[in-house]
C-alpha atoms as a PDB file:
ATOM      1  CA  MET A   1     -74.218 -14.294  83.025  1.00  0.00           C
ATOM      2  CA  ASP A   2     -70.727 -15.550  83.765  1.00  0.00           C
ATOM      3  CA  GLN A   3     -70.301 -17.781  86.786  1.00  0.00           C
ATOM      4  CA  THR A   4     -67.610 -17.080  89.328  1.00  0.00           C
ATOM      5  CA  ALA A   5     -65.082 -19.740  90.257  1.00  0.00           C
ATOM      6  CA  GLN A   6     -66.946 -20.216  93.532  1.00  0.00           C
ATOM      7  CA  ASP A   7     -70.268 -20.725  91.680  1.00  0.00           C
ATOM      8  CA  ARG A   8     -68.673 -23.330  89.410  1.00  0.00           C
ATOM      9  CA  TRP A   9     -67.121 -25.134  92.405  1.00  0.00           C
ATOM     10  CA  LEU A  10     -70.447 -25.206  94.255  1.00  0.00           C
ATOM     11  CA  ALA A  11     -72.268 -26.482  91.153  1.00  0.00           C
ATOM     12  CA  ALA A  12     -69.664 -29.242  90.772  1.00  0.00           C
ATOM     13  CA  LEU A  13     -70.042 -30.165  94.456  1.00  0.00           C
ATOM     14  CA  ARG A  14     -73.843 -30.412  94.075  1.00  0.00           C
ATOM     15  CA  ASP A  15     -73.453 -32.547  90.948  1.00  0.00           C
ATOM     16  CA  HIS A  16     -70.974 -34.846  92.734  1.00  0.00           C
ATOM     17  CA  ALA A  17     -73.409 -35.179  95.638  1.00  0.00           C
ATOM     18  CA  ALA A  18     -76.171 -36.173  93.229  1.00  0.00           C
ATOM     19  CA  ARG A  19     -73.974 -38.745  91.458  1.00  0.00           C
ATOM     20  CA  LEU A  20     -72.929 -40.189  94.811  1.00  0.00           C
ATOM     21  CA  SER A  21     -76.522 -40.342  96.049  1.00  0.00           C
ATOM     22  CA  PHE A  22     -78.079 -41.581  92.800  1.00  0.00           C
ATOM     23  CA  PRO A  23     -75.504 -43.713  90.953  1.00  0.00           C
ATOM     24  CA  ASP A  24     -77.985 -44.636  88.192  1.00  0.00           C
ATOM     25  CA  TRP A  25     -78.834 -40.989  87.451  1.00  0.00           C
ATOM     26  CA  GLU A  26     -77.832 -39.780  84.002  1.00  0.00           C
ATOM     27  CA  PRO A  27     -77.901 -35.961  83.877  1.00  0.00           C
ATOM     28  CA  GLY A  28     -80.211 -34.425  81.304  1.00  0.00           C
ATOM     29  CA  GLU A  29     -80.121 -30.944  79.790  1.00  0.00           C
ATOM     30  CA  GLU A  30     -82.898 -29.681  82.068  1.00  0.00           C
ATOM     31  CA  ASP A  31     -81.521 -31.299  85.248  1.00  0.00           C
ATOM     32  CA  TRP A  32     -80.277 -29.265  88.177  1.00  0.00           C
ATOM     33  CA  THR A  33     -79.164 -30.352  91.625  1.00  0.00           C
ATOM     34  CA  THR A  34     -79.503 -29.135  95.185  1.00  0.00           C
ATOM     35  CA  LEU A  35     -77.445 -29.844  98.282  1.00  0.00           C
ATOM     36  CA  TYR A  36     -78.701 -28.572 101.622  1.00  0.00           C
ATOM     37  CA  THR A  37     -77.452 -29.128 105.154  1.00  0.00           C
ATOM     38  CA  THR A  38     -79.218 -28.023 108.321  1.00  0.00           C
ATOM     39  CA  PHE A  39     -79.701 -29.210 111.885  1.00  0.00           C
ATOM     40  CA  ASP A  40     -82.714 -30.996 113.342  1.00  0.00           C
ATOM     41  CA  GLU A  41     -84.379 -30.071 116.642  1.00  0.00           C
ATOM     42  CA  ALA A  42     -81.814 -32.125 118.577  1.00  0.00           C
ATOM     43  CA  GLY A  43     -78.926 -30.296 116.914  1.00  0.00           C
ATOM     44  CA  SER A  44     -77.872 -33.202 114.686  1.00  0.00           C
ATOM     45  CA  PRO A  45     -76.881 -32.445 111.089  1.00  0.00           C
ATOM     46  CA  VAL A  46     -79.190 -33.369 108.231  1.00  0.00           C
ATOM     47  CA  THR A  47     -78.137 -33.259 104.574  1.00  0.00           C
ATOM     48  CA  GLU A  48     -80.581 -33.398 101.668  1.00  0.00           C
ATOM     49  CA  VAL A  49     -79.668 -34.055  98.043  1.00  0.00           C
ATOM     50  CA  ALA A  50     -82.151 -33.652  95.208  1.00  0.00           C
ATOM     51  CA  VAL A  51     -82.224 -33.659  91.423  1.00  0.00           C
ATOM     52  CA  PHE A  52     -84.837 -31.706  89.526  1.00  0.00           C
ATOM     53  CA  ARG A  53     -85.760 -32.011  85.872  1.00  0.00           C
ATOM     54  CA  GLY A  54     -87.281 -28.684  85.055  1.00  0.00           C
ATOM     55  CA  HIS A  55     -89.737 -28.159  87.918  1.00  0.00           C
ATOM     56  CA  ASP A  56     -90.131 -31.836  88.832  1.00  0.00           C
ATOM     57  CA  ARG A  57     -88.071 -33.443  91.579  1.00  0.00           C
ATOM     58  CA  ILE A  58     -86.901 -36.763  90.156  1.00  0.00           C
ATOM     59  CA  HIS A  59     -84.526 -37.872  92.943  1.00  0.00           C
ATOM     60  CA  TYR A  60     -84.328 -37.091  96.652  1.00  0.00           C
ATOM     61  CA  HIS A  61     -82.323 -38.464  99.557  1.00  0.00           C
ATOM     62  CA  ARG A  62     -82.050 -37.278 103.140  1.00  0.00           C
ATOM     63  CA  TYR A  63     -78.951 -38.235 105.155  1.00  0.00           C
ATOM     64  CA  THR A  64     -79.382 -38.290 108.920  1.00  0.00           C
ATOM     65  CA  GLY A  65     -77.675 -39.754 111.963  1.00  0.00           C
ATOM     66  CA  ALA A  66     -74.741 -42.040 111.270  1.00  0.00           C
ATOM     67  CA  ASP A  67     -75.165 -41.618 107.472  1.00  0.00           C
ATOM     68  CA  VAL A  68     -74.175 -37.935 107.389  1.00  0.00           C
ATOM     69  CA  THR A  69     -70.441 -38.293 108.099  1.00  0.00           C
ATOM     70  CA  PRO A  70     -69.747 -41.102 105.579  1.00  0.00           C
ATOM     71  CA  PHE A  71     -71.689 -39.190 102.901  1.00  0.00           C
ATOM     72  CA  TRP A  72     -69.638 -36.015 103.421  1.00  0.00           C
ATOM     73  CA  THR A  73     -66.387 -37.965 103.695  1.00  0.00           C
ATOM     74  CA  ASP A  74     -67.051 -39.704 100.369  1.00  0.00           C
ATOM     75  CA  LEU A  75     -68.223 -36.471  98.734  1.00  0.00           C
ATOM     76  CA  LEU A  76     -65.198 -34.441  99.785  1.00  0.00           C
ATOM     77  CA  ASN A  77     -62.811 -37.249  98.869  1.00  0.00           C
ATOM     78  CA  GLU A  78     -64.416 -37.378  95.398  1.00  0.00           C
ATOM     79  CA  ALA A  79     -64.292 -33.605  95.012  1.00  0.00           C
ATOM     80  CA  ALA A  80     -60.600 -33.571  95.900  1.00  0.00           C
ATOM     81  CA  GLU A  81     -59.696 -36.054  93.147  1.00  0.00           C
END
């Protein structure tokens, strides 16, 4: 199935998030990434980045508190380049 431009952009954003979060990660053929943002009970944003190889999660990081804004700033600056 062909991906839309939006699907390709979102996949690139997830991959950038994974590279930013796990600088030593070298993508493999079976690797796929996730990027999820929600709010905790206090209403503060929480962002989670993960890399899966097949069905196994091989990397995971959760950004909370003061770490959320710098992560998104770096990610969006990278994506804009």
